[in-house]
């Protein structure tokens, strides 16, 4: 089965539920250029993702080859998703592809998406219909076959109240403007050029037909929408995107493979573009509990939330009774770790006010004696500061809960307004490569914890904003405060 699927305009959250469900079960995805790359992260690990995008003068694959490949893949796997930006039925050549499938007797379904000419313009504050300005809208392509200019009905468009929306028309701007005015359109008719519609990097220039070509259009990049009509007068009042505090800002967010999306979504809600990259994977030590004798343990010390999750998951899997911890005190590094522990019905006995290893060591020193037996549950490749400080005050044994495995990743070739680091692992994974693309000495880097800050300094970062405590939820607040000072 082949699903001819619209990916919507811009943000991956504009996918329909059905599109998302098919992507999550796909065996093969043939995808176009104008997609949020985040969409492909929802595909299963076994899914074969093949780029078949087209760019002016540079096609990854001819249309006929795409159609042959679709038919070939459909014969080999159960679920193929042909993924297109916007709506596949709006200048997406879905008609040609569906015809090819029908003629080859390949079952298919068309899954609609949100077209940039409707949804993208809504993000620019331009509703394409409005009772005071436009009773309808016309969606048109400025390109015909083989790159020719479309045969446009300028006479019919010269006096209509409909909003005129041209896709892929930037190269034809002069012809469109002159064609309309020669046909009798009022030279003072509002016009807008919108690129990256529906994205945090959305850019718009507004003018009138008579003066649009005199404006600086360098920020408008293809593909762009050309919109003509009275509804453009509403954009100053209705453009909610430009009022978001991080609009047109771009941030780098390195994460582990199992990271949740809350931080990414928060920044996107604030208007930012967020490049999430996966730098590593948490690999649990399956023999973790083999190294722990709870009967001979006075204090269990957890250096992270991951350590807690892995420890108690294995305790449950082995059907060990949590009541054996009744005589064991438990220390955690901070509030988030305390909350994770509480989900297992256990309250922490020891917790520092400042959330890092050094302060956990200082807090523990108030509660331990030389004869106490401590088990430190931590990452294998984590720093040894906590272990070394505790060793001076009690009997300490190490229990390796997990290792962090490095993963290959592509670093997007963007210039960032800031980068967010939740741990030193991400710093070491990213900074060397980021330094090849931009000057990190003045880059705003947001750090969660003193150890992460030290790692950032080792790469020459000078503009470091450390969160007041180890809580991802504070990144957004810190970024807004920092940007407000600019």
Protein backbone atom coordinates (compact mmCIF):
# COMPACT_ATOMS: atom_id res chain seq x y z
CA UNK A 1 0.00 0.00 0.00
CA UNK A 2 1.25 3.46 -0.90
CA UNK A 3 0.15 6.55 1.00
CA UNK A 4 0.52 9.78 -0.96
CA UNK A 5 0.89 11.98 2.08
CA UNK A 6 0.95 15.70 2.78
CA UNK A 7 3.45 16.74 5.45
CA UNK A 8 1.86 20.14 6.00
CA UNK A 9 3.62 23.49 5.89
CA UNK A 10 6.57 24.11 8.17
CA UNK A 11 6.48 22.64 11.67
CA UNK A 12 6.09 18.85 12.06
CA UNK A 13 3.23 19.46 14.49
CA UNK A 14 1.10 20.43 11.49
CA UNK A 15 1.05 16.81 10.33
CA UNK A 16 -2.38 15.19 10.43
CA UNK A 17 -2.85 12.32 12.86
CA UNK A 18 -3.30 9.91 9.96
CA UNK A 19 -0.10 11.10 8.28
CA UNK A 20 1.78 10.60 11.55
CA UNK A 21 0.35 7.09 11.99
CA UNK A 22 1.41 6.01 8.52
CA UNK A 23 4.89 7.48 8.97
CA UNK A 24 5.26 5.55 12.23
CA UNK A 25 4.44 2.25 10.51
CA UNK A 26 6.24 2.89 7.21
CA UNK A 27 8.69 0.41 5.72
CA UNK A 28 9.84 2.95 3.13
CA UNK A 29 9.48 6.74 2.88
CA UNK A 30 10.14 8.64 -0.33
CA UNK A 31 10.39 12.25 0.78
CA UNK A 32 10.65 15.67 -0.84
CA UNK A 33 12.81 18.70 -0.06
CA UNK A 34 10.39 21.03 1.68
CA UNK A 35 9.86 19.05 4.87
CA UNK A 36 10.66 19.64 8.50
CA UNK A 37 13.53 17.09 8.91
CA UNK A 38 12.16 16.27 12.35
CA UNK A 39 9.34 14.35 10.64
CA UNK A 40 11.67 11.54 9.62
CA UNK A 41 12.62 10.88 13.26
CA UNK A 42 9.16 9.40 13.74
CA UNK A 43 9.82 6.66 11.20
CA UNK A 44 10.62 3.15 12.51
CA UNK A 45 14.28 2.18 12.74
CA UNK A 46 13.93 -0.32 9.90
CA UNK A 47 12.33 2.23 7.57
CA UNK A 48 14.22 3.00 4.36
CA UNK A 49 14.07 6.80 3.93
CA UNK A 50 14.94 7.89 0.38
CA UNK A 51 15.33 11.52 -0.67
CA UNK A 52 13.69 12.24 -4.03
CA UNK A 53 13.39 16.03 -3.73
CA UNK A 54 13.53 18.60 -6.47
CA UNK A 55 15.17 21.99 -6.47
CA UNK A 56 15.21 24.44 -9.37
CA UNK A 57 17.79 23.08 -11.81
CA UNK A 58 18.75 20.22 -9.47
CA UNK A 59 16.56 17.15 -9.20
CA UNK A 60 17.58 14.22 -7.01
CA UNK A 61 15.40 12.04 -9.23
CA UNK A 62 13.25 12.62 -12.30
CA UNK A 63 9.49 12.36 -11.84
CA UNK A 64 9.29 9.20 -13.97
CA UNK A 65 12.02 7.57 -11.85
CA UNK A 66 10.13 8.47 -8.65
CA UNK A 67 7.03 6.79 -9.99
CA UNK A 68 8.96 3.67 -11.00
CA UNK A 69 10.58 3.53 -7.57
CA UNK A 70 7.20 3.83 -5.84
CA UNK A 71 5.86 0.87 -7.79
CA UNK A 72 9.02 -1.14 -7.15
CA UNK A 73 8.94 -0.49 -3.39
CA UNK A 74 5.23 -1.29 -3.17
CA UNK A 75 5.96 -4.76 -4.56
CA UNK A 76 8.59 -5.41 -1.87
CA UNK A 77 7.25 -3.94 1.39
CA UNK A 78 3.88 -3.50 3.06
CA UNK A 79 3.75 0.26 3.68
CA UNK A 80 5.26 2.97 1.48
CA UNK A 81 4.79 6.66 2.30
CA UNK A 82 5.31 9.17 -0.47
CA UNK A 83 5.84 12.26 1.65
CA UNK A 84 5.34 15.73 0.18
CA UNK A 85 5.40 19.21 1.68
CA UNK A 86 2.07 20.96 2.15
CA UNK A 87 -0.88 19.21 0.53
CA UNK A 88 -0.03 16.64 -2.17
CA UNK A 89 -2.99 17.78 -4.30
CA UNK A 90 -1.86 21.42 -4.40
CA UNK A 91 0.94 21.60 -6.98
CA UNK A 92 2.35 18.36 -5.57
CA UNK A 93 2.02 16.31 -8.78
CA UNK A 94 0.01 13.78 -6.84
CA UNK A 95 -2.33 13.39 -9.80
CA UNK A 96 0.50 12.08 -11.98
CA UNK A 97 1.76 9.75 -9.27
CA UNK A 98 -1.70 8.43 -8.44
CA UNK A 99 -2.35 7.80 -12.16
CA UNK A 100 0.89 5.84 -12.44
CA UNK A 101 -0.07 3.72 -9.43
CA UNK A 102 -3.59 3.14 -10.71
CA UNK A 103 -2.28 2.03 -14.10
CA UNK A 104 0.14 -0.36 -12.38
CA UNK A 105 -2.72 -1.70 -10.21
CA UNK A 106 -0.93 -0.61 -7.01
CA UNK A 107 -3.33 0.25 -4.15
CA UNK A 108 -2.93 3.77 -2.81
CA UNK A 109 -4.50 6.39 -0.58
CA UNK A 110 -4.14 10.18 -0.64
CA UNK A 111 -3.67 11.76 2.79
CA UNK A 112 -4.21 15.54 2.63
CA UNK A 113 -2.00 18.07 4.37
CA UNK A 114 -2.08 21.77 5.16
CA UNK A 115 -0.97 23.76 2.12
CA UNK A 116 1.43 26.67 2.59
CA UNK A 117 -0.89 28.88 0.54
CA UNK A 118 -3.51 28.52 3.27
CA UNK A 119 -1.86 27.43 6.50
CA UNK A 120 1.47 29.13 5.87
CA UNK A 121 -0.20 32.45 5.16
CA UNK A 122 -2.22 32.10 8.36
CA UNK A 123 1.12 32.04 10.21
CA UNK A 124 1.98 35.30 8.42
CA UNK A 125 -1.22 36.93 9.63
CA UNK A 126 -2.90 36.73 6.23
CA UNK A 127 -6.29 34.97 6.23
CA UNK A 128 -6.93 34.28 2.55
CA UNK A 129 -10.64 35.12 2.87
CA UNK A 130 -12.33 37.86 4.89
CA UNK A 131 -15.80 39.33 4.47
CA UNK A 132 -14.42 42.86 4.22
CA UNK A 133 -11.64 42.07 1.75
CA UNK A 134 -11.98 38.80 -0.17
CA UNK A 135 -14.88 36.47 -0.89
CA UNK A 136 -12.63 33.80 -2.34
CA UNK A 137 -9.07 32.82 -3.18
CA UNK A 138 -7.26 31.58 -6.26
CA UNK A 139 -4.27 29.24 -5.91
CA UNK A 140 -2.01 29.36 -8.97
CA UNK A 141 1.39 28.16 -10.05
CA UNK A 142 3.60 30.66 -11.84
CA UNK A 143 5.40 27.77 -13.57
CA UNK A 144 4.14 25.67 -16.41
CA UNK A 145 5.77 22.52 -17.78
CA UNK A 146 9.53 22.51 -18.44
CA UNK A 147 10.02 25.74 -16.48
CA UNK A 148 7.85 27.85 -18.76
CA UNK A 149 5.67 30.69 -17.51
CA UNK A 150 2.10 29.63 -16.77
CA UNK A 151 -0.60 30.98 -19.07
CA UNK A 152 -2.24 33.22 -16.47
CA UNK A 153 -5.61 34.92 -16.93
CA UNK A 154 -4.54 38.49 -16.09
CA UNK A 155 -7.76 39.94 -17.48
CA UNK A 156 -9.81 37.75 -15.16
CA UNK A 157 -7.60 38.64 -12.19
CA UNK A 158 -7.46 42.37 -12.77
CA UNK A 159 -10.77 43.27 -11.11
CA UNK A 160 -11.57 40.32 -8.82
CA UNK A 161 -11.93 40.60 -5.03
CA UNK A 162 -10.42 37.13 -4.69
CA UNK A 163 -7.05 36.82 -2.99
CA UNK A 164 -4.45 35.82 -5.59
CA UNK A 165 -1.86 33.31 -4.37
CA UNK A 166 1.03 32.30 -6.61
CA UNK A 167 3.21 29.32 -5.74
CA UNK A 168 6.80 29.07 -6.99
CA UNK A 169 6.57 32.55 -8.47
CA UNK A 170 9.56 34.47 -7.21
CA UNK A 171 11.41 34.32 -10.54
CA UNK A 172 8.26 35.47 -12.29
CA UNK A 173 7.51 38.41 -9.99
CA UNK A 174 8.09 41.09 -12.65
CA UNK A 175 5.90 39.31 -15.20
CA UNK A 176 3.07 38.83 -12.69
CA UNK A 177 3.13 42.44 -11.47
CA UNK A 178 3.34 43.97 -14.94
CA UNK A 179 0.73 41.54 -16.32
CA UNK A 180 -1.78 42.51 -13.64
CA UNK A 181 -1.24 46.26 -13.96
CA UNK A 182 -1.41 46.14 -17.76
CA UNK A 183 -4.72 44.30 -17.43
CA UNK A 184 -6.05 47.13 -15.28
CA UNK A 185 -5.29 46.11 -11.70
CA UNK A 186 -4.96 49.09 -9.34
CA UNK A 187 -1.21 49.78 -8.84
CA UNK A 188 -1.93 50.42 -5.14
CA UNK A 189 -3.16 46.85 -4.59
CA UNK A 190 -1.31 45.31 -1.62
CA UNK A 191 1.18 42.52 -2.35
CA UNK A 192 3.20 40.30 -0.02
CA UNK A 193 6.12 37.96 -0.61
CA UNK A 194 6.41 35.22 2.00
CA UNK A 195 9.22 32.69 2.25
CA UNK A 196 9.48 29.77 4.70
CA UNK A 197 5.78 30.19 5.42
CA UNK A 198 4.72 28.51 8.64
CA UNK A 199 8.26 28.18 10.00
CA UNK A 200 10.15 30.05 12.69
CA UNK A 201 12.39 31.42 9.92
CA UNK A 202 9.40 32.89 8.06
CA UNK A 203 10.21 36.16 6.26
CA UNK A 204 7.78 38.58 4.62
CA UNK A 205 7.97 41.76 2.59
CA UNK A 206 4.80 43.79 1.92
CA UNK A 207 4.30 46.64 -0.53
CA UNK A 208 1.98 47.58 -3.42
CA UNK A 209 2.11 46.35 -6.99
CA UNK A 210 3.73 49.57 -8.17
CA UNK A 211 6.62 49.58 -5.68
CA UNK A 212 7.28 45.93 -4.71
CA UNK A 213 10.23 45.64 -7.09
CA UNK A 214 11.87 48.68 -5.50
CA UNK A 215 11.95 46.98 -2.08
CA UNK A 216 14.88 45.04 -0.66
CA UNK A 217 13.90 41.44 -1.37
CA UNK A 218 17.21 39.83 -0.39
CA UNK A 219 15.62 38.10 2.62
CA UNK A 220 13.02 36.38 0.42
CA UNK A 221 14.27 33.00 -0.75
CA UNK A 222 12.68 30.38 -2.98
CA UNK A 223 10.28 28.79 -2.73
CA UNK A 224 8.18 31.81 -1.86
CA UNK A 225 4.52 32.70 -2.05
CA UNK A 226 3.26 35.79 -3.82
CA UNK A 227 0.00 37.05 -2.35
CA UNK A 228 -2.06 39.86 -3.82
CA UNK A 229 -5.21 41.40 -2.36
CA UNK A 230 -6.75 43.45 0.41
CA UNK A 231 -6.35 40.74 3.07
CA UNK A 232 -2.68 41.71 3.28
CA UNK A 233 -3.80 44.84 5.16
CA UNK A 234 -4.62 42.55 8.10
CA UNK A 235 -1.13 41.14 8.57
CA UNK A 236 0.15 43.88 10.87
CA UNK A 237 -2.71 43.20 13.27
CA UNK A 238 -2.91 39.42 12.89
CA UNK A 239 0.72 38.32 12.52
CA UNK A 240 1.05 36.45 15.80
CA UNK A 241 4.35 34.81 14.85
CA UNK A 242 6.39 38.00 14.89
CA UNK A 243 5.13 38.76 18.41
CA UNK A 244 6.67 35.61 19.84
CA UNK A 245 9.78 36.46 21.86
CA UNK A 246 12.13 34.09 19.99
CA UNK A 247 10.74 34.55 16.48
CA UNK A 248 13.41 34.10 13.79
CA UNK A 249 15.91 32.86 16.38
CA UNK A 250 17.60 29.49 15.84
CA UNK A 251 18.99 27.22 18.56
CA UNK A 252 21.01 24.02 18.62
CA UNK A 253 19.77 21.36 21.03
CA UNK A 254 21.89 18.19 21.37
CA UNK A 255 20.01 15.33 23.05
CA UNK A 256 20.14 11.61 23.77
CA UNK A 257 18.15 9.24 21.58
CA UNK A 258 15.39 8.69 24.15
CA UNK A 259 14.99 12.37 25.06
CA UNK A 260 11.49 13.74 25.36
CA UNK A 261 10.41 16.69 23.25
CA UNK A 262 9.19 19.08 25.95
CA UNK A 263 12.12 21.49 25.68
CA UNK A 264 12.04 21.53 21.89
CA UNK A 265 8.29 22.19 21.89
CA UNK A 266 8.58 24.93 24.49
CA UNK A 267 11.15 26.81 22.40
CA UNK A 268 9.05 26.33 19.26
CA UNK A 269 6.03 27.73 21.07
CA UNK A 270 8.17 30.78 21.85
CA UNK A 271 8.80 31.19 18.13
CA UNK A 272 12.26 29.66 17.77
CA UNK A 273 13.61 27.26 15.19
CA UNK A 274 15.21 24.33 17.03
CA UNK A 275 17.70 21.93 15.48
CA UNK A 276 17.63 18.79 17.61
CA UNK A 277 20.54 16.44 17.05
CA UNK A 278 21.03 13.03 18.63
CA UNK A 279 24.60 12.71 19.85
CA UNK A 280 24.38 9.58 21.99
CA UNK A 281 22.38 6.73 23.44
CA UNK A 282 21.90 5.65 27.06
CA UNK A 283 22.87 1.96 27.29
CA UNK A 284 21.79 0.32 30.56
CA UNK A 285 24.11 -2.12 32.30
CA UNK A 286 21.99 -5.32 32.36
CA UNK A 287 24.01 -6.68 35.27
CA UNK A 288 23.63 -3.54 37.40
CA UNK A 289 22.10 -5.31 40.42
CA UNK A 290 24.83 -7.96 40.42
CA UNK A 291 27.18 -5.29 41.78
CA UNK A 292 24.90 -4.23 44.66
CA UNK A 293 24.57 -6.05 47.97
CA UNK A 294 21.69 -4.18 49.58
CA UNK A 295 22.08 -6.09 52.86
CA UNK A 296 25.54 -4.56 53.24
CA UNK A 297 24.64 -1.06 52.07
CA UNK A 298 23.98 1.90 54.35
CA UNK A 299 23.43 4.58 51.70
CA UNK A 300 22.53 4.35 48.02
CA UNK A 301 23.73 7.40 46.09
CA UNK A 302 22.22 8.17 42.69
CA UNK A 303 24.10 10.65 40.53
CA UNK A 304 21.33 11.08 37.92
CA UNK A 305 17.72 10.42 37.02
CA UNK A 306 18.83 7.82 34.47
CA UNK A 307 20.61 5.88 37.20
CA UNK A 308 17.41 5.81 39.29
CA UNK A 309 15.24 4.70 36.37
CA UNK A 310 17.58 1.88 35.39
CA UNK A 311 18.11 0.68 38.98
CA UNK A 312 14.41 0.43 39.81
CA UNK A 313 13.42 -0.93 36.40
CA UNK A 314 15.79 -3.84 36.92
CA UNK A 315 14.61 -4.27 40.49
CA UNK A 316 11.08 -4.72 39.18
CA UNK A 317 12.18 -6.98 36.32
CA UNK A 318 13.94 -9.28 38.76
CA UNK A 319 10.86 -9.26 41.00
CA UNK A 320 12.92 -8.11 43.95
CA UNK A 321 10.98 -6.64 46.86
CA UNK A 322 11.51 -2.91 47.23
CA UNK A 323 11.03 -3.33 51.01
CA UNK A 324 14.61 -4.55 51.24
CA UNK A 325 15.53 -0.87 50.95
CA UNK A 326 13.79 -0.05 54.23
CA UNK A 327 17.07 0.17 56.15
CA UNK A 328 18.97 1.90 53.35
CA UNK A 329 19.19 5.67 53.12
CA UNK A 330 18.94 7.13 49.63
CA UNK A 331 20.71 10.24 48.34
CA UNK A 332 19.86 12.02 45.10
CA UNK A 333 21.56 14.83 43.21
CA UNK A 334 18.57 17.16 42.90
CA UNK A 335 14.86 17.87 42.77
CA UNK A 336 14.17 16.17 39.44
CA UNK A 337 15.89 13.03 40.70
CA UNK A 338 13.80 13.21 43.87
CA UNK A 339 10.66 13.32 41.74
CA UNK A 340 11.71 10.28 39.72
CA UNK A 341 12.45 8.38 42.93
CA UNK A 342 9.06 9.36 44.34
CA UNK A 343 7.35 7.68 41.39
CA UNK A 344 8.56 4.40 42.83
CA UNK A 345 7.03 5.27 46.20
CA UNK A 346 10.34 6.14 47.85
CA UNK A 347 11.34 9.47 49.38
CA UNK A 348 14.93 10.67 49.26
CA UNK A 349 16.73 11.01 52.59
CA UNK A 350 19.55 13.23 51.38
CA UNK A 351 19.37 15.97 48.74
CA UNK A 352 21.59 19.04 48.28
CA UNK A 353 20.09 22.49 47.79
CA UNK A 354 22.28 23.10 44.74
CA UNK A 355 21.94 20.37 42.13
CA UNK A 356 25.36 19.07 41.16
CA UNK A 357 27.83 16.37 42.17
CA UNK A 358 30.04 18.64 44.21
CA UNK A 359 27.19 19.84 46.42
CA UNK A 360 25.83 16.31 46.76
CA UNK A 361 29.24 15.27 48.10
CA UNK A 362 29.24 18.16 50.58
CA UNK A 363 25.73 17.29 51.74
CA UNK A 364 26.59 13.61 52.16
CA UNK A 365 29.59 14.47 54.29
CA UNK A 366 27.17 15.81 56.91
CA UNK A 367 25.45 12.42 57.15
CA UNK A 368 28.20 9.80 56.85
CA UNK A 369 31.01 8.37 58.92
CA UNK A 370 34.12 6.36 58.11
CA UNK A 371 32.31 3.08 58.79
CA UNK A 372 29.36 3.77 56.48
CA UNK A 373 29.09 1.69 53.31
CA UNK A 374 28.01 3.73 50.31
CA UNK A 375 27.07 2.46 46.86
CA UNK A 376 27.37 5.11 44.18
CA UNK A 377 25.10 4.33 41.20
CA UNK A 378 26.32 6.35 38.23
CA UNK A 379 27.21 6.39 34.55
CA UNK A 380 30.30 4.44 33.57
CA UNK A 381 31.84 7.36 31.66
CA UNK A 382 30.65 10.08 34.05
CA UNK A 383 33.08 12.30 35.94
CA UNK A 384 34.68 10.82 39.08
CA UNK A 385 34.44 13.94 41.25
CA UNK A 386 31.68 12.57 43.47
CA UNK A 387 33.37 9.20 43.95
CA UNK A 388 36.74 10.74 44.81
CA UNK A 389 35.26 13.19 47.33
CA UNK A 390 33.20 10.52 49.09
CA UNK A 391 36.07 8.03 49.24
CA UNK A 392 37.81 10.23 51.78
CA UNK A 393 34.89 9.96 54.22
CA UNK A 394 33.41 6.44 53.92
CA UNK A 395 33.64 3.02 52.24
CA UNK A 396 32.45 3.69 48.70
CA UNK A 397 31.85 1.17 45.94
CA UNK A 398 30.97 2.05 42.36
CA UNK A 399 27.97 0.59 40.59
CA UNK A 400 27.91 1.33 36.86
CA UNK A 401 24.30 1.87 35.86
CA UNK A 402 24.84 2.74 32.21
CA UNK A 403 27.22 3.91 29.57
CA UNK A 404 26.66 6.65 27.02
CA UNK A 405 27.33 5.45 23.51
CA UNK A 406 28.31 8.05 20.94
CA UNK A 407 26.18 8.13 17.80
CA UNK A 408 27.06 9.63 14.41
CA UNK A 409 25.11 12.75 13.56
CA UNK A 410 24.90 15.47 10.93
CA UNK A 411 25.34 19.00 12.21
CA UNK A 412 23.03 21.34 10.26
CA UNK A 413 24.92 24.09 8.44
CA UNK A 414 23.22 26.98 10.20
CA UNK A 415 24.45 29.96 12.16
CA UNK A 416 22.90 29.73 15.61
CA UNK A 417 21.69 32.40 17.99
CA UNK A 418 22.36 30.02 20.86
CA UNK A 419 23.01 26.43 21.89
CA UNK A 420 21.58 24.50 24.84
CA UNK A 421 23.61 21.90 26.73
CA UNK A 422 22.13 19.64 29.39
CA UNK A 423 25.40 17.78 30.12
CA UNK A 424 29.10 17.79 29.29
CA UNK A 425 28.75 14.78 26.96
CA UNK A 426 26.84 16.93 24.45
CA UNK A 427 29.45 19.68 24.77
CA UNK A 428 32.29 17.36 23.81
CA UNK A 429 30.22 15.78 21.03
CA UNK A 430 29.24 19.08 19.38
CA UNK A 431 31.56 21.94 20.12
CA UNK A 432 34.51 20.84 18.01
CA UNK A 433 32.33 20.53 14.93
CA UNK A 434 30.35 23.67 15.70
CA UNK A 435 33.61 25.63 15.91
CA UNK A 436 34.21 24.79 12.25
CA UNK A 437 30.98 26.58 11.29
CA UNK A 438 30.91 29.65 13.54
CA UNK A 439 32.79 31.49 16.26
CA UNK A 440 31.69 29.86 19.52
CA UNK A 441 33.59 32.31 21.70
CA UNK A 442 30.71 34.79 21.45
CA UNK A 443 27.91 32.30 20.93
CA UNK A 444 25.31 32.30 23.69
CA UNK A 445 25.54 28.86 25.27
CA UNK A 446 23.07 27.80 27.95
CA UNK A 447 24.42 25.32 30.48
CA UNK A 448 22.71 23.01 32.95
CA UNK A 449 25.21 22.55 35.75
CA UNK A 450 28.71 23.54 36.78
CA UNK A 451 30.36 20.51 35.16
CA UNK A 452 28.77 21.39 31.82
CA UNK A 453 29.91 24.99 32.22
CA UNK A 454 33.52 23.88 32.79
CA UNK A 455 33.36 21.80 29.62
CA UNK A 456 32.09 24.80 27.65
CA UNK A 457 34.90 26.98 28.96
CA UNK A 458 37.44 24.42 27.78
CA UNK A 459 36.32 25.16 24.19
CA UNK A 460 36.74 28.90 24.64
CA UNK A 461 33.09 29.77 25.15
CA UNK A 462 32.80 33.14 26.89
CA UNK A 463 29.09 33.90 26.76
CA UNK A 464 27.85 31.13 29.08
CA UNK A 465 24.48 31.37 30.82
CA UNK A 466 24.22 28.72 33.53
CA UNK A 467 20.74 27.78 34.74
CA UNK A 468 20.11 28.62 38.41
CA UNK A 469 19.39 24.93 38.99
CA UNK A 470 19.45 21.69 37.01
CA UNK A 471 15.98 21.93 35.49
CA UNK A 472 15.42 21.81 31.72
CA UNK A 473 12.24 23.80 32.23
CA UNK A 474 14.34 26.89 33.00
CA UNK A 475 16.03 27.08 29.60
CA UNK A 476 13.15 28.99 28.01
CA UNK A 477 13.00 31.55 30.82
CA UNK A 478 16.77 32.11 30.74
CA UNK A 479 16.81 32.54 26.97
CA UNK A 480 13.99 35.09 27.03
CA UNK A 481 15.70 37.04 29.81
CA UNK A 482 18.98 36.99 27.90
CA UNK A 483 17.38 38.15 24.65
CA UNK A 484 15.55 40.93 26.49
CA UNK A 485 18.94 42.43 27.43
CA UNK A 486 20.13 42.63 23.83
